[in-house]
Protein backbone atom coordinates (compact mmCIF):
# COMPACT_ATOMS: atom_id res chain seq x y z
CA MET A 1 -24.30 17.90 -12.80
CA SER A 2 -21.45 15.61 -12.05
CA ARG A 3 -20.97 14.29 -8.65
CA THR A 4 -18.12 14.86 -6.13
CA PHE A 5 -17.10 11.99 -3.97
CA LEU A 6 -14.83 12.37 -0.87
CA ILE A 7 -13.16 9.04 0.35
CA SER A 8 -11.87 9.15 3.81
CA ARG A 9 -8.87 6.93 4.36
CA THR A 10 -6.79 8.28 7.18
CA ASP A 11 -4.33 5.59 7.88
CA ALA A 12 -1.19 3.94 6.21
CA ILE A 13 0.25 4.02 2.78
CA GLY A 14 -0.57 0.34 2.02
CA ASP A 15 -4.20 0.79 3.20
CA VAL A 16 -4.58 3.87 0.97
CA VAL A 17 -3.12 1.84 -2.19
CA LEU A 18 -5.75 -0.91 -1.51
CA THR A 19 -8.59 1.89 -1.40
CA LEU A 20 -7.60 3.00 -4.96
CA PRO A 21 -10.10 0.67 -6.69
CA VAL A 22 -12.96 2.49 -4.92
CA ALA A 23 -11.80 5.66 -6.76
CA GLY A 24 -11.40 3.74 -9.96
CA ARG A 25 -14.82 2.14 -9.52
CA LEU A 26 -16.49 5.53 -8.78
CA LYS A 27 -15.04 6.79 -12.11
CA GLN A 28 -16.56 3.65 -13.97
CA LEU A 29 -20.03 4.12 -12.30
CA PHE A 30 -20.24 7.77 -12.53
CA PRO A 31 -18.42 8.96 -15.56
CA GLY A 32 -17.27 12.70 -15.34
CA CYS A 33 -17.31 12.61 -11.42
CA ARG A 34 -14.72 14.14 -9.26
CA VAL A 35 -12.98 12.01 -6.66
CA LEU A 36 -11.08 13.25 -3.73
CA LEU A 37 -9.12 11.43 -1.07
CA LEU A 38 -8.97 12.62 2.44
CA GLY A 39 -5.84 11.28 4.15
CA ARG A 40 -2.86 11.80 6.22
CA ASP A 41 -0.18 14.14 4.76
CA TYR A 42 2.38 11.24 4.31
CA THR A 43 -0.09 9.49 1.86
CA ARG A 44 -0.65 12.68 -0.37
CA ALA A 45 2.02 11.43 -2.94
CA VAL A 46 -0.02 8.25 -3.39
CA ALA A 47 -3.13 10.18 -4.14
CA GLU A 48 -1.25 12.43 -6.57
CA ALA A 49 0.01 9.41 -8.35
CA CYS A 50 -3.25 7.76 -8.80
CA PRO A 51 -5.17 8.45 -12.19
CA TRP A 52 -8.46 8.08 -10.45
CA VAL A 53 -7.86 10.68 -7.79
CA ASP A 54 -8.69 14.28 -8.77
CA ASP A 55 -7.40 16.03 -5.52
CA PHE A 56 -6.24 15.41 -1.95
CA MET A 57 -7.47 16.95 1.17
CA SER A 58 -5.07 16.73 4.38
CA PHE A 59 -6.54 15.45 7.50
CA ASP A 60 -3.45 16.69 9.33
CA GLU A 61 -4.09 20.34 8.24
CA LEU A 62 -8.01 19.84 8.83
CA GLN A 63 -7.03 18.86 12.50
CA GLN A 64 -5.08 22.07 13.02
CA LEU A 65 -8.06 24.47 12.44
CA PRO A 66 -10.54 25.43 15.05
CA PRO A 67 -13.65 23.31 15.16
CA ASN A 68 -15.99 25.74 13.18
CA GLN A 69 -13.33 26.28 10.53
CA GLN A 70 -13.03 22.45 10.06
CA VAL A 71 -16.67 22.28 9.19
CA ALA A 72 -16.18 25.28 6.57
CA ALA A 73 -13.09 23.62 5.05
CA LEU A 74 -15.21 20.43 4.60
CA ARG A 75 -17.99 22.34 2.92
CA VAL A 76 -15.59 24.13 0.55
CA VAL A 77 -14.77 20.70 -0.97
CA GLY A 78 -18.16 20.46 -2.22
CA ALA A 79 -18.57 16.79 -1.82
CA ASP A 80 -21.98 15.57 -2.11
CA THR A 81 -20.84 12.00 -0.99
CA ILE A 82 -18.41 10.83 1.72
CA LEU A 83 -17.45 7.18 2.18
CA HIS A 84 -15.82 6.53 5.41
CA ILE A 85 -13.48 3.59 4.43
CA PHE A 86 -11.53 4.15 7.54
CA PRO A 87 -13.90 4.88 10.47
CA ASN A 88 -12.99 8.14 12.36
CA LYS A 89 -15.50 9.47 14.81
CA ASP A 90 -14.58 13.07 14.46
CA LEU A 91 -14.65 13.06 10.73
CA ALA A 92 -18.11 11.40 10.77
CA ARG A 93 -19.28 14.21 12.96
CA LEU A 94 -17.74 16.76 10.77
CA ALA A 95 -19.32 15.37 7.74
CA LEU A 96 -22.75 15.60 9.29
CA LEU A 97 -22.18 19.17 10.40
CA ALA A 98 -20.91 20.11 6.94
CA GLY A 99 -24.11 18.87 5.35
CA ILE A 100 -22.66 16.33 3.16
CA LYS A 101 -25.77 14.86 1.63
CA VAL A 102 -24.82 11.14 1.51
CA ARG A 103 -22.64 9.80 4.22
CA ILE A 104 -21.80 6.17 4.03
CA GLY A 105 -20.19 4.06 6.75
CA THR A 106 -20.26 0.59 8.37
CA ARG A 107 -23.04 -0.48 10.76
CA ASN A 108 -20.60 -1.91 13.32
CA ARG A 109 -19.47 1.47 14.41
CA TRP A 110 -21.79 3.04 16.90
CA PHE A 111 -20.95 6.76 15.91
CA HIS A 112 -22.16 5.89 12.25
CA TRP A 113 -25.57 5.30 13.54
CA LEU A 114 -25.60 8.93 14.58
CA THR A 115 -23.76 10.50 11.79
CA CYS A 116 -24.26 8.33 8.54
CA ASN A 117 -27.52 8.12 6.41
CA ARG A 118 -26.37 5.08 4.44
CA MET A 119 -24.76 2.08 6.25
CA VAL A 120 -23.33 -1.14 5.08
CA LYS A 121 -23.12 -4.26 7.08
CA LEU A 122 -19.54 -5.29 7.05
CA SER A 123 -17.20 -7.24 9.19
CA ARG A 124 -13.54 -6.99 8.20
CA LYS A 125 -12.18 -9.21 10.95
CA ASN A 126 -14.17 -12.28 9.91
CA SER A 127 -14.49 -11.81 6.19
CA ASP A 128 -12.84 -13.85 3.49
CA LEU A 129 -12.55 -10.97 1.14
CA HIS A 130 -9.46 -9.12 0.20
CA GLU A 131 -9.00 -5.65 1.72
CA SER A 132 -9.67 -3.99 -1.76
CA GLN A 133 -12.90 -5.78 -2.01
CA LEU A 134 -13.94 -4.95 1.68
CA ASN A 135 -13.30 -1.22 0.68
CA LEU A 136 -15.28 -1.57 -2.48
CA ALA A 137 -18.29 -3.05 -0.38
CA LEU A 138 -18.81 0.56 0.96
CA LEU A 139 -20.12 1.55 -2.48
CA ALA A 140 -23.12 -0.89 -2.20
CA PRO A 141 -25.42 2.09 -1.18
CA LEU A 142 -24.54 3.66 -4.57
CA ALA A 143 -24.63 0.74 -6.94
CA GLU A 144 -25.69 -2.84 -6.66
CA SER A 145 -22.85 -3.97 -8.90
CA ALA A 146 -20.11 -2.16 -6.97
CA LEU A 147 -18.27 -5.32 -5.59
CA LEU A 148 -15.84 -6.71 -8.10
CA PRO A 149 -14.10 -10.03 -8.39
CA LEU A 150 -10.38 -9.75 -7.12
CA SER A 151 -8.96 -9.64 -10.64
CA GLU A 152 -11.11 -6.65 -11.56
CA ALA A 153 -10.43 -4.91 -8.27
CA SER A 154 -6.66 -5.52 -9.03
CA SER A 155 -6.82 -3.82 -12.37
CA LEU A 156 -7.94 -0.60 -10.61
CA VAL A 157 -4.73 -0.43 -8.43
CA LYS A 158 -2.61 1.82 -10.50
CA LEU A 159 0.04 4.54 -9.81
CA THR A 160 2.19 6.48 -12.19
CA PRO A 161 5.28 8.61 -10.83
CA THR A 162 4.67 12.36 -10.55
CA VAL A 163 8.33 13.36 -10.36
CA PRO A 164 11.37 12.47 -12.47
CA LEU A 165 14.11 10.28 -10.84
CA ARG A 166 17.38 12.22 -10.21
CA PRO A 167 19.96 11.57 -12.83
CA GLU A 168 22.32 9.94 -10.59
CA LEU A 169 19.63 7.46 -9.51
CA GLN A 170 18.72 6.84 -13.12
CA HIS A 171 22.36 6.20 -13.80
CA LEU A 172 22.77 3.96 -10.90
CA LEU A 173 19.88 1.69 -11.98
CA ALA A 174 21.02 1.71 -15.63
CA ASN A 175 24.39 0.90 -14.87
CA ARG A 176 24.00 -2.94 -15.00
CA GLN A 177 24.90 -5.89 -17.07
CA PRO A 178 22.49 -7.83 -19.50
CA GLY A 179 20.31 -10.09 -17.53
CA GLN A 180 21.15 -8.42 -14.19
CA LEU A 181 18.16 -7.48 -11.91
CA ASN A 182 17.80 -4.42 -9.79
CA VAL A 183 16.05 -5.80 -6.65
CA VAL A 184 14.81 -3.59 -3.79
CA LEU A 185 14.92 -5.03 -0.27
CA HIS A 186 12.74 -3.16 2.24
CA PRO A 187 13.51 -5.16 5.44
CA ARG A 188 11.42 -3.08 8.02
CA SER A 189 7.62 -2.57 8.31
CA ARG A 190 7.20 0.21 11.11
CA GLY A 191 5.21 -2.19 12.89
CA SER A 192 2.57 -2.72 10.30
CA ALA A 193 3.31 -6.43 9.55
CA ARG A 194 5.09 -9.47 10.64
CA GLU A 195 8.80 -9.16 9.79
CA TRP A 196 10.77 -11.75 7.92
CA GLY A 197 13.89 -10.89 10.01
CA LEU A 198 17.29 -9.29 9.26
CA PRO A 199 19.04 -12.64 9.10
CA HIS A 200 16.85 -13.71 6.20
CA PHE A 201 17.09 -10.39 4.47
CA GLY A 202 20.80 -10.56 4.82
CA GLN A 203 20.96 -14.11 3.37
CA LEU A 204 18.79 -13.22 0.65
CA ALA A 205 21.08 -10.17 -0.25
CA ARG A 206 24.00 -12.26 -0.34
CA LEU A 207 22.31 -14.98 -2.62
CA LEU A 208 21.17 -12.16 -5.04
CA HIS A 209 24.69 -10.83 -5.24
CA GLU A 210 26.05 -14.35 -5.72
CA ALA A 211 23.59 -14.91 -8.45
CA GLY A 212 24.77 -11.67 -10.09
CA HIS A 213 21.99 -9.25 -9.31
CA ARG A 214 21.98 -5.84 -7.69
CA VAL A 215 20.54 -5.16 -4.34
CA PHE A 216 19.12 -1.81 -3.25
CA VAL A 217 18.09 -1.42 0.49
CA THR A 218 15.41 1.23 1.41
CA GLY A 219 13.55 2.55 4.46
CA THR A 220 12.95 5.55 6.59
CA THR A 221 15.75 7.59 8.40
CA ALA A 222 15.08 5.91 11.56
CA GLU A 223 15.10 2.48 10.07
CA GLY A 224 18.56 3.31 8.53
CA GLU A 225 19.71 3.87 12.04
CA GLU A 226 18.10 0.54 13.23
CA LEU A 227 19.82 -1.16 10.12
CA ARG A 228 23.29 0.49 10.60
CA ASP A 229 25.16 -2.66 11.82
CA TRP A 230 23.29 -4.83 9.36
CA LEU A 231 24.11 -2.53 6.60
CA ILE A 232 27.77 -2.53 7.52
CA GLU A 233 27.92 -6.36 7.82
CA HIS A 234 26.32 -6.77 4.31
CA ARG A 235 27.92 -3.92 2.58
CA PRO A 236 29.62 -6.24 0.08
CA TYR A 237 26.27 -7.56 -1.23
CA VAL A 238 24.38 -4.15 -1.49
CA ALA A 239 24.82 -1.90 -4.48
CA ALA A 240 23.27 1.06 -2.72
CA GLU A 241 21.70 1.91 0.67
CA LEU A 242 18.89 4.44 0.26
CA THR A 243 17.33 4.59 3.74
CA GLY A 244 16.18 8.20 4.66
CA GLN A 245 17.29 9.55 1.12
CA LEU A 246 13.95 9.40 -0.78
CA ALA A 247 10.84 11.45 -0.11
CA LEU A 248 7.80 9.55 -1.15
CA PRO A 249 7.24 10.94 -4.60
CA GLU A 250 10.89 10.09 -5.58
CA PHE A 251 10.69 6.70 -3.74
CA ILE A 252 7.70 5.98 -6.04
CA ALA A 253 9.64 7.01 -9.06
CA PHE A 254 12.67 4.76 -7.92
CA LEU A 255 10.35 1.70 -7.46
CA ALA A 256 8.94 2.40 -10.93
CA ALA A 257 12.40 2.26 -12.45
CA ALA A 258 13.75 -0.84 -10.53
CA ASP A 259 12.71 -4.42 -11.57
CA GLY A 260 11.05 -5.33 -8.32
CA LEU A 261 10.86 -5.28 -4.52
CA VAL A 262 10.93 -7.90 -1.70
CA ALA A 263 9.15 -6.95 1.45
CA GLY A 264 6.66 -7.88 4.12
CA SER A 265 3.12 -6.61 3.93
CA THR A 266 4.09 -3.02 3.84
CA GLY A 267 3.25 0.17 2.06
CA PRO A 268 6.37 -0.11 -0.23
CA LEU A 269 5.13 -3.56 -1.30
CA HIS A 270 1.70 -2.35 -2.34
CA LEU A 271 3.33 0.58 -4.12
CA ALA A 272 5.68 -1.52 -6.20
CA ALA A 273 2.60 -3.76 -7.10
CA ALA A 274 0.56 -0.82 -8.03
CA LEU A 275 3.33 0.56 -10.33
CA GLY A 276 3.27 -2.62 -12.20
CA ARG A 277 6.47 -3.82 -11.05
CA HIS A 278 7.55 -7.14 -9.44
CA ALA A 279 6.31 -7.26 -5.81
CA LEU A 280 7.14 -10.30 -3.77
CA GLY A 281 5.41 -10.05 -0.51
CA LEU A 282 6.43 -12.22 2.58
CA TYR A 283 3.38 -13.35 4.76
CA PRO A 284 2.35 -15.50 7.83
CA PRO A 285 -0.71 -17.64 7.25
CA ILE A 286 -2.40 -16.02 10.37
CA ARG A 287 -5.88 -14.44 10.07
CA PRO A 288 -6.37 -11.54 9.35
CA MET A 289 -2.73 -10.89 8.30
CA HIS A 290 -2.56 -13.53 5.59
CA PRO A 291 -2.41 -12.88 1.89
CA GLY A 292 -5.87 -13.59 1.30
CA ARG A 293 -6.80 -10.34 3.07
CA TRP A 294 -3.61 -8.25 2.32
CA ALA A 295 -1.98 -9.62 -0.85
CA PRO A 296 -0.34 -7.08 -3.09
CA LEU A 297 -2.38 -6.18 -6.33
CA GLY A 298 -0.90 -5.66 -9.58
CA LEU A 299 0.35 -7.24 -12.93
CA HIS A 300 3.26 -8.74 -11.39
CA ALA A 301 2.44 -8.94 -7.77
CA GLU A 302 3.10 -12.33 -5.80
CA TYR A 303 3.66 -13.54 -2.36
CA LEU A 304 5.13 -16.27 -0.31
CA VAL A 305 3.34 -17.98 2.59
CA ILE A 306 3.95 -21.27 4.48
CA ASP A 307 1.21 -23.79 4.10
CA ARG A 308 0.42 -24.11 7.60
CA PRO A 309 -2.93 -23.72 9.67
CA ASP A 310 -3.42 -20.69 11.66
CA CYS A 311 -0.60 -20.75 14.10
CA GLN A 312 -1.58 -19.91 17.81
CA ASP A 313 2.04 -19.65 18.95
CA CYS A 314 2.62 -16.95 16.46
CA ARG A 315 -0.39 -15.14 17.85
CA THR A 316 0.96 -15.20 21.45
CA LYS A 317 4.69 -14.50 20.35
CA PRO A 318 4.42 -12.04 17.52
CA VAL A 319 8.04 -11.06 17.57
CA ALA A 320 9.13 -14.61 17.18
CA CYS A 321 6.76 -15.55 14.36
CA THR A 322 7.92 -18.98 13.16
CA CYS A 323 5.48 -19.12 10.39
CA ILE A 324 7.10 -16.19 8.37
CA LYS A 325 10.64 -17.12 9.46
CA ALA A 326 9.93 -20.61 7.86
CA LEU A 327 10.16 -19.14 4.52
CA GLU A 328 13.57 -19.83 3.47
CA PRO A 329 15.63 -17.13 1.54
CA ALA A 330 16.30 -19.62 -1.12
CA LEU A 331 12.56 -19.67 -1.80
CA ALA A 332 12.56 -15.98 -2.37
CA LEU A 333 15.71 -16.06 -4.62
CA ALA A 334 13.90 -18.67 -6.80
CA ARG A 335 10.85 -16.35 -7.34
CA VAL A 336 13.11 -13.37 -7.99
CA GLN A 337 15.20 -15.45 -10.48
CA GLN A 338 11.76 -15.81 -12.48
CA TRP A 339 11.62 -11.95 -13.04
CA GLN A 340 14.52 -12.41 -15.44
CA ARG A 341 12.26 -13.91 -18.03
CA ARG A 342 10.25 -10.44 -18.08
CA LEU A 343 13.24 -8.22 -18.50
CA PRO A 344 13.17 -5.81 -21.49
CA VAL A 345 15.04 -6.83 -24.65
CA GLY A 346 18.74 -5.63 -24.20
CA SER A 347 18.64 -5.29 -20.27
């Protein structure tokens, strides 16, 4: 009888992307198993684009149900094992009440001592492991060989678009000269990461335009409003401004069709990397935000970080993070220029 695993990861898009190796590793360890992701509605498209995830369960919909129906809904899933990758006290209790046989959590959450029957000693804050490896560590009660080298974990970060790109967007990306790159800039992070800053992104847009490349700016509707004046100022350098115009499934398709993306440590950066596109991340050297913990994973994923010790000034003044702003736009341009060597023949 095949097993059914429920992976609970109810936080942001980038976090979910870096949890995909858990699903992939389960498929390797338990051939024929069924893997479900329990997450927030806005991450559904990530689950649906991952070949290792068989189904998605909405945490938002679960929360809308009366307590007794929440337990019933969790039972219907038929999971024999739940992995609390992102600890949630309410979900831990529900899994216990639903009678899920194997309930795995970390030992440093007090409520797991009351609700889980398999616990892993794990401290994310002080670890030198990458986030994907920390997630894989939750598989230890299931298999001694669960933890993988980062190169192997990276191979399990994989997404495939589930919807076609609109013809007008296909045409927009295809309408370029030989050797010209389609580069996506995602300036904002919705507070999930240290930001490089609009002046630097503006300078990079200008440098890319002057180098003959095409710049596309993405973001949410709210971010588009925040960027309005900046977008007007930099309109000569931007081929298309797409903030608020792409739902997540189509955004994934757009990233898959572009050459690459430049961003901070955000969901879009990890999406681009998982799609096998060029993904250039901009990071501070501060623990635990540094790339050793949060670097994008993928065939063409890379990052820039200044070679500086952990900066206490940036800890106390996060808005004015001098470490990340010390990364000059010319450095990013040089990395992007290297992407040209990997363009398809005739592009």
